[in-house]
Amino acid sequence: YSSSTKSDLSTWNEQYTPNDPVPIVT
């Protein structure tokens, strides 16, 4: 659970930062 997400980059992106929360819907 996270009330705020840091980036718009999804887990499927090369630039994704490890352990950043991505909204499940995104």
mmCIF file of all heavy atoms, coordinates in Angstrom:
data_MODEL
# 
_entry.id   MODEL 
# 
loop_
_atom_site.group_PDB 
_atom_site.id 
_atom_site.type_symbol 
_atom_site.label_atom_id 
_atom_site.label_alt_id 
_atom_site.label_comp_id 
_atom_site.label_asym_id 
_atom_site.label_entity_id 
_atom_site.label_seq_id 
_atom_site.pdbx_PDB_ins_code 
_atom_site.Cartn_x 
_atom_site.Cartn_y 
_atom_site.Cartn_z 
_atom_site.occupancy 
_atom_site.B_iso_or_equiv 
_atom_site.pdbx_formal_charge 
_atom_site.auth_seq_id 
_atom_site.auth_comp_id 
_atom_site.auth_asym_id 
_atom_site.auth_atom_id 
_atom_site.pdbx_PDB_model_num 
ATOM 1   N N   . TYR A 1 1  ? 0.864  -1.183 0.000   1.00 0.00 ? 1  TYR A N   1 
ATOM 2   C CA  . TYR A 1 1  ? 0.000  0.000  0.000   1.00 0.00 ? 1  TYR A CA  1 
ATOM 3   C C   . TYR A 1 1  ? 0.897  1.228  0.000   1.00 0.00 ? 1  TYR A C   1 
ATOM 4   O O   . TYR A 1 1  ? 1.916  1.270  0.695   1.00 0.00 ? 1  TYR A O   1 
ATOM 5   C CB  . TYR A 1 1  ? -0.902 0.027  1.241   1.00 0.00 ? 1  TYR A CB  1 
ATOM 6   C CG  . TYR A 1 1  ? -1.559 1.370  1.452   1.00 0.00 ? 1  TYR A CG  1 
ATOM 7   C CD1 . TYR A 1 1  ? -2.707 1.724  0.738   1.00 0.00 ? 1  TYR A CD1 1 
ATOM 8   C CD2 . TYR A 1 1  ? -0.995 2.315  2.309   1.00 0.00 ? 1  TYR A CD2 1 
ATOM 9   C CE1 . TYR A 1 1  ? -3.286 2.978  0.902   1.00 0.00 ? 1  TYR A CE1 1 
ATOM 10  C CE2 . TYR A 1 1  ? -1.562 3.571  2.474   1.00 0.00 ? 1  TYR A CE2 1 
ATOM 11  C CZ  . TYR A 1 1  ? -2.713 3.892  1.760   1.00 0.00 ? 1  TYR A CZ  1 
ATOM 12  O OH  . TYR A 1 1  ? -3.278 5.131  1.911   1.00 0.00 ? 1  TYR A OH  1 
ATOM 13  N N   . SER A 1 2  ? 0.537  2.231  -0.795  1.00 0.00 ? 2  SER A N   1 
ATOM 14  C CA  . SER A 1 2  ? 1.284  3.490  -0.755  1.00 0.00 ? 2  SER A CA  1 
ATOM 15  C C   . SER A 1 2  ? 0.328  4.636  -1.059  1.00 0.00 ? 2  SER A C   1 
ATOM 16  O O   . SER A 1 2  ? -0.478 4.559  -2.002  1.00 0.00 ? 2  SER A O   1 
ATOM 17  C CB  . SER A 1 2  ? 2.415  3.459  -1.789  1.00 0.00 ? 2  SER A CB  1 
ATOM 18  O OG  . SER A 1 2  ? 3.094  4.687  -1.760  1.00 0.00 ? 2  SER A OG  1 
ATOM 19  N N   . SER A 1 3  ? 0.411  5.687  -0.226  1.00 0.00 ? 3  SER A N   1 
ATOM 20  C CA  . SER A 1 3  ? -0.500 6.823  -0.452  1.00 0.00 ? 3  SER A CA  1 
ATOM 21  C C   . SER A 1 3  ? 0.043  7.719  -1.558  1.00 0.00 ? 3  SER A C   1 
ATOM 22  O O   . SER A 1 3  ? -0.673 8.530  -2.134  1.00 0.00 ? 3  SER A O   1 
ATOM 23  C CB  . SER A 1 3  ? -0.662 7.622  0.841   1.00 0.00 ? 3  SER A CB  1 
ATOM 24  O OG  . SER A 1 3  ? 0.613  7.982  1.332   1.00 0.00 ? 3  SER A OG  1 
ATOM 25  N N   . SER A 1 4  ? 1.349  7.590  -1.851  1.00 0.00 ? 4  SER A N   1 
ATOM 26  C CA  . SER A 1 4  ? 1.903  8.409  -2.943  1.00 0.00 ? 4  SER A CA  1 
ATOM 27  C C   . SER A 1 4  ? 2.867  7.571  -3.762  1.00 0.00 ? 4  SER A C   1 
ATOM 28  O O   . SER A 1 4  ? 3.576  6.720  -3.230  1.00 0.00 ? 4  SER A O   1 
ATOM 29  C CB  . SER A 1 4  ? 2.671  9.604  -2.355  1.00 0.00 ? 4  SER A CB  1 
ATOM 30  O OG  . SER A 1 4  ? 3.744  9.103  -1.582  1.00 0.00 ? 4  SER A OG  1 
ATOM 31  N N   . THR A 1 5  ? 2.858  7.776  -5.056  1.00 0.00 ? 5  THR A N   1 
ATOM 32  C CA  . THR A 1 5  ? 3.797  7.042  -5.919  1.00 0.00 ? 5  THR A CA  1 
ATOM 33  C C   . THR A 1 5  ? 4.779  8.033  -6.511  1.00 0.00 ? 5  THR A C   1 
ATOM 34  O O   . THR A 1 5  ? 4.402  9.135  -6.922  1.00 0.00 ? 5  THR A O   1 
ATOM 35  C CB  . THR A 1 5  ? 3.038  6.290  -7.032  1.00 0.00 ? 5  THR A CB  1 
ATOM 36  O OG1 . THR A 1 5  ? 2.118  7.193  -7.636  1.00 0.00 ? 5  THR A OG1 1 
ATOM 37  C CG2 . THR A 1 5  ? 2.258  5.120  -6.463  1.00 0.00 ? 5  THR A CG2 1 
ATOM 38  N N   . LYS A 1 6  ? 6.047  7.618  -6.551  1.00 0.00 ? 6  LYS A N   1 
ATOM 39  C CA  . LYS A 1 6  ? 7.105  8.561  -6.931  1.00 0.00 ? 6  LYS A CA  1 
ATOM 40  C C   . LYS A 1 6  ? 7.173  8.827  -8.433  1.00 0.00 ? 6  LYS A C   1 
ATOM 41  O O   . LYS A 1 6  ? 7.464  9.905  -8.872  1.00 0.00 ? 6  LYS A O   1 
ATOM 42  C CB  . LYS A 1 6  ? 8.461  8.009  -6.467  1.00 0.00 ? 6  LYS A CB  1 
ATOM 43  C CG  . LYS A 1 6  ? 8.629  8.035  -4.956  1.00 0.00 ? 6  LYS A CG  1 
ATOM 44  C CD  . LYS A 1 6  ? 9.969  7.423  -4.585  1.00 0.00 ? 6  LYS A CD  1 
ATOM 45  C CE  . LYS A 1 6  ? 10.015 7.119  -3.096  1.00 0.00 ? 6  LYS A CE  1 
ATOM 46  N NZ  . LYS A 1 6  ? 11.091 6.184  -2.770  1.00 0.00 ? 6  LYS A NZ  1 
ATOM 47  N N   . SER A 1 7  ? 6.973  7.757  -9.224  1.00 0.00 ? 7  SER A N   1 
ATOM 48  C CA  . SER A 1 7  ? 7.201  7.992  -10.664 1.00 0.00 ? 7  SER A CA  1 
ATOM 49  C C   . SER A 1 7  ? 6.083  7.364  -11.478 1.00 0.00 ? 7  SER A C   1 
ATOM 50  O O   . SER A 1 7  ? 5.315  6.551  -10.984 1.00 0.00 ? 7  SER A O   1 
ATOM 51  C CB  . SER A 1 7  ? 8.538  7.377  -11.075 1.00 0.00 ? 7  SER A CB  1 
ATOM 52  O OG  . SER A 1 7  ? 8.388  5.980  -11.196 1.00 0.00 ? 7  SER A OG  1 
ATOM 53  N N   . ASP A 1 8  ? 6.039  7.757  -12.739 1.00 0.00 ? 8  ASP A N   1 
ATOM 54  C CA  . ASP A 1 8  ? 5.025  7.191  -13.630 1.00 0.00 ? 8  ASP A CA  1 
ATOM 55  C C   . ASP A 1 8  ? 5.558  5.965  -14.353 1.00 0.00 ? 8  ASP A C   1 
ATOM 56  O O   . ASP A 1 8  ? 4.861  5.375  -15.164 1.00 0.00 ? 8  ASP A O   1 
ATOM 57  C CB  . ASP A 1 8  ? 4.599  8.244  -14.683 1.00 0.00 ? 8  ASP A CB  1 
ATOM 58  C CG  . ASP A 1 8  ? 3.977  9.452  -14.015 1.00 0.00 ? 8  ASP A CG  1 
ATOM 59  O OD1 . ASP A 1 8  ? 3.417  9.264  -12.924 1.00 0.00 ? 8  ASP A OD1 1 
ATOM 60  O OD2 . ASP A 1 8  ? 4.075  10.565 -14.570 1.00 0.00 ? 8  ASP A OD2 1 
ATOM 61  N N   . LEU A 1 9  ? 6.820  5.639  -14.093 1.00 0.00 ? 9  LEU A N   1 
ATOM 62  C CA  . LEU A 1 9  ? 7.421  4.519  -14.819 1.00 0.00 ? 9  LEU A CA  1 
ATOM 63  C C   . LEU A 1 9  ? 6.923  3.197  -14.246 1.00 0.00 ? 9  LEU A C   1 
ATOM 64  O O   . LEU A 1 9  ? 7.026  2.948  -13.048 1.00 0.00 ? 9  LEU A O   1 
ATOM 65  C CB  . LEU A 1 9  ? 8.948  4.572  -14.710 1.00 0.00 ? 9  LEU A CB  1 
ATOM 66  C CG  . LEU A 1 9  ? 9.626  5.717  -15.484 1.00 0.00 ? 9  LEU A CG  1 
ATOM 67  C CD1 . LEU A 1 9  ? 11.116 5.718  -15.207 1.00 0.00 ? 9  LEU A CD1 1 
ATOM 68  C CD2 . LEU A 1 9  ? 9.384  5.558  -16.983 1.00 0.00 ? 9  LEU A CD2 1 
ATOM 69  N N   . SER A 1 10 ? 6.382  2.353  -15.129 1.00 0.00 ? 10 SER A N   1 
ATOM 70  C CA  . SER A 1 10 ? 5.865  1.076  -14.654 1.00 0.00 ? 10 SER A CA  1 
ATOM 71  C C   . SER A 1 10 ? 7.003  0.067  -14.514 1.00 0.00 ? 10 SER A C   1 
ATOM 72  O O   . SER A 1 10 ? 8.110  0.279  -15.011 1.00 0.00 ? 10 SER A O   1 
ATOM 73  C CB  . SER A 1 10 ? 4.815  0.556  -15.634 1.00 0.00 ? 10 SER A CB  1 
ATOM 74  O OG  . SER A 1 10 ? 4.160  -0.534 -15.040 1.00 0.00 ? 10 SER A OG  1 
ATOM 75  N N   . THR A 1 11 ? 6.690  -1.042 -13.831 1.00 0.00 ? 11 THR A N   1 
ATOM 76  C CA  . THR A 1 11 ? 7.693  -2.105 -13.621 1.00 0.00 ? 11 THR A CA  1 
ATOM 77  C C   . THR A 1 11 ? 8.173  -2.706 -14.938 1.00 0.00 ? 11 THR A C   1 
ATOM 78  O O   . THR A 1 11 ? 9.204  -3.356 -14.984 1.00 0.00 ? 11 THR A O   1 
ATOM 79  C CB  . THR A 1 11 ? 7.074  -3.239 -12.765 1.00 0.00 ? 11 THR A CB  1 
ATOM 80  O OG1 . THR A 1 11 ? 5.725  -3.427 -13.185 1.00 0.00 ? 11 THR A OG1 1 
ATOM 81  C CG2 . THR A 1 11 ? 7.078  -2.901 -11.290 1.00 0.00 ? 11 THR A CG2 1 
ATOM 82  N N   . TRP A 1 12 ? 7.408  -2.485 -16.021 1.00 0.00 ? 12 TRP A N   1 
ATOM 83  C CA  . TRP A 1 12 ? 7.776  -3.083 -17.330 1.00 0.00 ? 12 TRP A CA  1 
ATOM 84  C C   . TRP A 1 12 ? 8.731  -2.181 -18.109 1.00 0.00 ? 12 TRP A C   1 
ATOM 85  O O   . TRP A 1 12 ? 9.024  -2.448 -19.257 1.00 0.00 ? 12 TRP A O   1 
ATOM 86  C CB  . TRP A 1 12 ? 6.523  -3.361 -18.169 1.00 0.00 ? 12 TRP A CB  1 
ATOM 87  C CG  . TRP A 1 12 ? 5.317  -3.692 -17.339 1.00 0.00 ? 12 TRP A CG  1 
ATOM 88  C CD1 . TRP A 1 12 ? 4.191  -2.952 -17.206 1.00 0.00 ? 12 TRP A CD1 1 
ATOM 89  C CD2 . TRP A 1 12 ? 5.137  -4.838 -16.498 1.00 0.00 ? 12 TRP A CD2 1 
ATOM 90  N NE1 . TRP A 1 12 ? 3.316  -3.543 -16.338 1.00 0.00 ? 12 TRP A NE1 1 
ATOM 91  C CE2 . TRP A 1 12 ? 3.864  -4.712 -15.886 1.00 0.00 ? 12 TRP A CE2 1 
ATOM 92  C CE3 . TRP A 1 12 ? 5.926  -5.952 -16.205 1.00 0.00 ? 12 TRP A CE3 1 
ATOM 93  C CZ2 . TRP A 1 12 ? 3.365  -5.662 -15.015 1.00 0.00 ? 12 TRP A CZ2 1 
ATOM 94  C CZ3 . TRP A 1 12 ? 5.425  -6.895 -15.323 1.00 0.00 ? 12 TRP A CZ3 1 
ATOM 95  C CH2 . TRP A 1 12 ? 4.156  -6.744 -14.737 1.00 0.00 ? 12 TRP A CH2 1 
ATOM 96  N N   . ASN A 1 13 ? 9.204  -1.089 -17.469 1.00 0.00 ? 13 ASN A N   1 
ATOM 97  C CA  . ASN A 1 13 ? 10.063 -0.123 -18.156 1.00 0.00 ? 13 ASN A CA  1 
ATOM 98  C C   . ASN A 1 13 ? 11.521 -0.310 -17.714 1.00 0.00 ? 13 ASN A C   1 
ATOM 99  O O   . ASN A 1 13 ? 11.797 -0.513 -16.537 1.00 0.00 ? 13 ASN A O   1 
ATOM 100 C CB  . ASN A 1 13 ? 9.574  1.292  -17.790 1.00 0.00 ? 13 ASN A CB  1 
ATOM 101 C CG  . ASN A 1 13 ? 10.229 2.363  -18.635 1.00 0.00 ? 13 ASN A CG  1 
ATOM 102 O OD1 . ASN A 1 13 ? 11.455 2.469  -18.673 1.00 0.00 ? 13 ASN A OD1 1 
ATOM 103 N ND2 . ASN A 1 13 ? 9.412  3.160  -19.304 1.00 0.00 ? 13 ASN A ND2 1 
ATOM 104 N N   . GLU A 1 14 ? 12.435 -0.215 -18.681 1.00 0.00 ? 14 GLU A N   1 
ATOM 105 C CA  . GLU A 1 14 ? 13.878 -0.370 -18.390 1.00 0.00 ? 14 GLU A CA  1 
ATOM 106 C C   . GLU A 1 14 ? 14.343 0.599  -17.297 1.00 0.00 ? 14 GLU A C   1 
ATOM 107 O O   . GLU A 1 14 ? 15.248 0.301  -16.527 1.00 0.00 ? 14 GLU A O   1 
ATOM 108 C CB  . GLU A 1 14 ? 14.717 -0.115 -19.663 1.00 0.00 ? 14 GLU A CB  1 
ATOM 109 C CG  . GLU A 1 14 ? 14.753 -1.290 -20.631 1.00 0.00 ? 14 GLU A CG  1 
ATOM 110 C CD  . GLU A 1 14 ? 15.566 -2.476 -20.104 1.00 0.00 ? 14 GLU A CD  1 
ATOM 111 O OE1 . GLU A 1 14 ? 16.133 -2.374 -18.995 1.00 0.00 ? 14 GLU A OE1 1 
ATOM 112 O OE2 . GLU A 1 14 ? 15.591 -3.520 -20.786 1.00 0.00 ? 14 GLU A OE2 1 
ATOM 113 N N   . GLN A 1 15 ? 13.742 1.803  -17.288 1.00 0.00 ? 15 GLN A N   1 
ATOM 114 C CA  . GLN A 1 15 ? 14.178 2.847  -16.346 1.00 0.00 ? 15 GLN A CA  1 
ATOM 115 C C   . GLN A 1 15 ? 13.538 2.725  -14.953 1.00 0.00 ? 15 GLN A C   1 
ATOM 116 O O   . GLN A 1 15 ? 13.774 3.552  -14.089 1.00 0.00 ? 15 GLN A O   1 
ATOM 117 C CB  . GLN A 1 15 ? 13.844 4.246  -16.892 1.00 0.00 ? 15 GLN A CB  1 
ATOM 118 C CG  . GLN A 1 15 ? 14.968 4.877  -17.720 1.00 0.00 ? 15 GLN A CG  1 
ATOM 119 C CD  . GLN A 1 15 ? 15.173 4.166  -19.035 1.00 0.00 ? 15 GLN A CD  1 
ATOM 120 O OE1 . GLN A 1 15 ? 14.241 4.044  -19.820 1.00 0.00 ? 15 GLN A OE1 1 
ATOM 121 N NE2 . GLN A 1 15 ? 16.385 3.681  -19.272 1.00 0.00 ? 15 GLN A NE2 1 
ATOM 122 N N   . TYR A 1 16 ? 12.710 1.688  -14.749 1.00 0.00 ? 16 TYR A N   1 
ATOM 123 C CA  . TYR A 1 16 ? 12.021 1.528  -13.452 1.00 0.00 ? 16 TYR A CA  1 
ATOM 124 C C   . TYR A 1 16 ? 13.056 1.425  -12.322 1.00 0.00 ? 16 TYR A C   1 
ATOM 125 O O   . TYR A 1 16 ? 14.036 0.686  -12.407 1.00 0.00 ? 16 TYR A O   1 
ATOM 126 C CB  . TYR A 1 16 ? 11.148 0.260  -13.487 1.00 0.00 ? 16 TYR A CB  1 
ATOM 127 C CG  . TYR A 1 16 ? 10.620 -0.155 -12.132 1.00 0.00 ? 16 TYR A CG  1 
ATOM 128 C CD1 . TYR A 1 16 ? 9.586  0.546  -11.510 1.00 0.00 ? 16 TYR A CD1 1 
ATOM 129 C CD2 . TYR A 1 16 ? 11.168 -1.247 -11.442 1.00 0.00 ? 16 TYR A CD2 1 
ATOM 130 C CE1 . TYR A 1 16 ? 9.112  0.180  -10.258 1.00 0.00 ? 16 TYR A CE1 1 
ATOM 131 C CE2 . TYR A 1 16 ? 10.698 -1.628 -10.189 1.00 0.00 ? 16 TYR A CE2 1 
ATOM 132 C CZ  . TYR A 1 16 ? 9.674  -0.907 -9.602  1.00 0.00 ? 16 TYR A CZ  1 
ATOM 133 O OH  . TYR A 1 16 ? 9.207  -1.272 -8.362  1.00 0.00 ? 16 TYR A OH  1 
ATOM 134 N N   . THR A 1 17 ? 12.819 2.179  -11.240 1.00 0.00 ? 17 THR A N   1 
ATOM 135 C CA  . THR A 1 17 ? 13.709 2.135  -10.071 1.00 0.00 ? 17 THR A CA  1 
ATOM 136 C C   . THR A 1 17 ? 13.259 1.008  -9.146  1.00 0.00 ? 17 THR A C   1 
ATOM 137 O O   . THR A 1 17 ? 12.089 0.973  -8.745  1.00 0.00 ? 17 THR A O   1 
ATOM 138 C CB  . THR A 1 17 ? 13.635 3.468  -9.284  1.00 0.00 ? 17 THR A CB  1 
ATOM 139 O OG1 . THR A 1 17 ? 13.794 4.527  -10.206 1.00 0.00 ? 17 THR A OG1 1 
ATOM 140 C CG2 . THR A 1 17 ? 14.685 3.534  -8.200  1.00 0.00 ? 17 THR A CG2 1 
ATOM 141 N N   . PRO A 1 18 ? 14.195 0.091  -8.801  1.00 0.00 ? 18 PRO A N   1 
ATOM 142 C CA  . PRO A 1 18 ? 13.811 -1.033 -7.943  1.00 0.00 ? 18 PRO A CA  1 
ATOM 143 C C   . PRO A 1 18 ? 13.054 -0.584 -6.691  1.00 0.00 ? 18 PRO A C   1 
ATOM 144 O O   . PRO A 1 18 ? 13.392 0.426  -6.070  1.00 0.00 ? 18 PRO A O   1 
ATOM 145 C CB  . PRO A 1 18 ? 15.158 -1.667 -7.561  1.00 0.00 ? 18 PRO A CB  1 
ATOM 146 C CG  . PRO A 1 18 ? 16.055 -1.338 -8.718  1.00 0.00 ? 18 PRO A CG  1 
ATOM 147 C CD  . PRO A 1 18 ? 15.608 0.013  -9.217  1.00 0.00 ? 18 PRO A CD  1 
ATOM 148 N N   . ASN A 1 19 ? 12.006 -1.347 -6.364  1.00 0.00 ? 19 ASN A N   1 
ATOM 149 C CA  . ASN A 1 19 ? 11.170 -1.157 -5.162  1.00 0.00 ? 19 ASN A CA  1 
ATOM 150 C C   . ASN A 1 19 ? 10.283 0.087  -5.157  1.00 0.00 ? 19 ASN A C   1 
ATOM 151 O O   . ASN A 1 19 ? 9.623  0.364  -4.170  1.00 0.00 ? 19 ASN A O   1 
ATOM 152 C CB  . ASN A 1 19 ? 12.014 -1.196 -3.882  1.00 0.00 ? 19 ASN A CB  1 
ATOM 153 C CG  . ASN A 1 19 ? 12.450 -2.627 -3.613  1.00 0.00 ? 19 ASN A CG  1 
ATOM 154 O OD1 . ASN A 1 19 ? 11.660 -3.551 -3.772  1.00 0.00 ? 19 ASN A OD1 1 
ATOM 155 N ND2 . ASN A 1 19 ? 13.710 -2.807 -3.262  1.00 0.00 ? 19 ASN A ND2 1 
ATOM 156 N N   . ASP A 1 20 ? 10.248 0.841  -6.244  1.00 0.00 ? 20 ASP A N   1 
ATOM 157 C CA  . ASP A 1 20 ? 9.292  1.956  -6.341  1.00 0.00 ? 20 ASP A CA  1 
ATOM 158 C C   . ASP A 1 20 ? 7.877  1.388  -6.436  1.00 0.00 ? 20 ASP A C   1 
ATOM 159 O O   . ASP A 1 20 ? 7.629  0.491  -7.249  1.00 0.00 ? 20 ASP A O   1 
ATOM 160 C CB  . ASP A 1 20 ? 9.567  2.794  -7.606  1.00 0.00 ? 20 ASP A CB  1 
ATOM 161 C CG  . ASP A 1 20 ? 10.426 4.004  -7.286  1.00 0.00 ? 20 ASP A CG  1 
ATOM 162 O OD1 . ASP A 1 20 ? 10.882 4.090  -6.132  1.00 0.00 ? 20 ASP A OD1 1 
ATOM 163 O OD2 . ASP A 1 20 ? 10.649 4.835  -8.187  1.00 0.00 ? 20 ASP A OD2 1 
ATOM 164 N N   . PRO A 1 21 ? 6.919  1.887  -5.624  1.00 0.00 ? 21 PRO A N   1 
ATOM 165 C CA  . PRO A 1 21 ? 5.540  1.388  -5.765  1.00 0.00 ? 21 PRO A CA  1 
ATOM 166 C C   . PRO A 1 21 ? 4.867  1.943  -7.025  1.00 0.00 ? 21 PRO A C   1 
ATOM 167 O O   . PRO A 1 21 ? 4.946  3.134  -7.296  1.00 0.00 ? 21 PRO A O   1 
ATOM 168 C CB  . PRO A 1 21 ? 4.843  1.901  -4.500  1.00 0.00 ? 21 PRO A CB  1 
ATOM 169 C CG  . PRO A 1 21 ? 5.703  2.984  -3.957  1.00 0.00 ? 21 PRO A CG  1 
ATOM 170 C CD  . PRO A 1 21 ? 7.076  2.861  -4.528  1.00 0.00 ? 21 PRO A CD  1 
ATOM 171 N N   . VAL A 1 22 ? 4.258  1.059  -7.781  1.00 0.00 ? 22 VAL A N   1 
ATOM 172 C CA  . VAL A 1 22 ? 3.513  1.452  -8.989  1.00 0.00 ? 22 VAL A CA  1 
ATOM 173 C C   . VAL A 1 22 ? 2.056  1.056  -8.755  1.00 0.00 ? 22 VAL A C   1 
ATOM 174 O O   . VAL A 1 22 ? 1.791  -0.088 -8.390  1.00 0.00 ? 22 VAL A O   1 
ATOM 175 C CB  . VAL A 1 22 ? 4.052  0.699  -10.239 1.00 0.00 ? 22 VAL A CB  1 
ATOM 176 C CG1 . VAL A 1 22 ? 3.206  1.000  -11.464 1.00 0.00 ? 22 VAL A CG1 1 
ATOM 177 C CG2 . VAL A 1 22 ? 5.509  1.024  -10.472 1.00 0.00 ? 22 VAL A CG2 1 
ATOM 178 N N   . PRO A 1 23 ? 1.087  1.975  -8.906  1.00 0.00 ? 23 PRO A N   1 
ATOM 179 C CA  . PRO A 1 23 ? -0.321 1.593  -8.696  1.00 0.00 ? 23 PRO A CA  1 
ATOM 180 C C   . PRO A 1 23 ? -0.659 0.329  -9.490  1.00 0.00 ? 23 PRO A C   1 
ATOM 181 O O   . PRO A 1 23 ? -0.296 0.219  -10.669 1.00 0.00 ? 23 PRO A O   1 
ATOM 182 C CB  . PRO A 1 23 ? -1.103 2.803  -9.210  1.00 0.00 ? 23 PRO A CB  1 
ATOM 183 C CG  . PRO A 1 23 ? -0.148 3.952  -9.074  1.00 0.00 ? 23 PRO A CG  1 
ATOM 184 C CD  . PRO A 1 23 ? 1.227  3.387  -9.325  1.00 0.00 ? 23 PRO A CD  1 
ATOM 185 N N   . ILE A 1 24 ? -1.355 -0.591 -8.852  1.00 0.00 ? 24 ILE A N   1 
ATOM 186 C CA  . ILE A 1 24 ? -1.623 -1.887 -9.490  1.00 0.00 ? 24 ILE A CA  1 
ATOM 187 C C   . ILE A 1 24 ? -2.413 -1.718 -10.794 1.00 0.00 ? 24 ILE A C   1 
ATOM 188 O O   . ILE A 1 24 ? -2.177 -2.430 -11.761 1.00 0.00 ? 24 ILE A O   1 
ATOM 189 C CB  . ILE A 1 24 ? -2.342 -2.853 -8.513  1.00 0.00 ? 24 ILE A CB  1 
ATOM 190 C CG1 . ILE A 1 24 ? -2.529 -4.235 -9.174  1.00 0.00 ? 24 ILE A CG1 1 
ATOM 191 C CG2 . ILE A 1 24 ? -3.658 -2.317 -8.010  1.00 0.00 ? 24 ILE A CG2 1 
ATOM 192 C CD1 . ILE A 1 24 ? -3.042 -5.320 -8.251  1.00 0.00 ? 24 ILE A CD1 1 
ATOM 193 N N   . VAL A 1 25 ? -3.303 -0.731 -10.823 1.00 0.00 ? 25 VAL A N   1 
ATOM 194 C CA  . VAL A 1 25 ? -4.102 -0.516 -12.039 1.00 0.00 ? 25 VAL A CA  1 
ATOM 195 C C   . VAL A 1 25 ? -3.192 -0.095 -13.198 1.00 0.00 ? 25 VAL A C   1 
ATOM 196 O O   . VAL A 1 25 ? -3.303 -0.599 -14.322 1.00 0.00 ? 25 VAL A O   1 
ATOM 197 C CB  . VAL A 1 25 ? -5.197 0.543  -11.784 1.00 0.00 ? 25 VAL A CB  1 
ATOM 198 C CG1 . VAL A 1 25 ? -5.950 0.878  -13.049 1.00 0.00 ? 25 VAL A CG1 1 
ATOM 199 C CG2 . VAL A 1 25 ? -6.170 0.033  -10.713 1.00 0.00 ? 25 VAL A CG2 1 
ATOM 200 N N   . THR A 1 26 ? -2.236 0.803  -12.910 1.00 0.00 ? 26 THR A N   1 
ATOM 201 C CA  . THR A 1 26 ? -1.273 1.244  -13.936 1.00 0.00 ? 26 THR A CA  1 
ATOM 202 C C   . THR A 1 26 ? -0.458 0.061  -14.433 1.00 0.00 ? 26 THR A C   1 
ATOM 203 O O   . THR A 1 26 ? -0.302 -0.156 -15.646 1.00 0.00 ? 26 THR A O   1 
ATOM 204 C CB  . THR A 1 26 ? -0.307 2.306  -13.335 1.00 0.00 ? 26 THR A CB  1 
ATOM 205 O OG1 . THR A 1 26 ? -1.078 3.316  -12.703 1.00 0.00 ? 26 THR A OG1 1 
ATOM 206 C CG2 . THR A 1 26 ? 0.597  2.901  -14.382 1.00 0.00 ? 26 THR A CG2 1 
# 
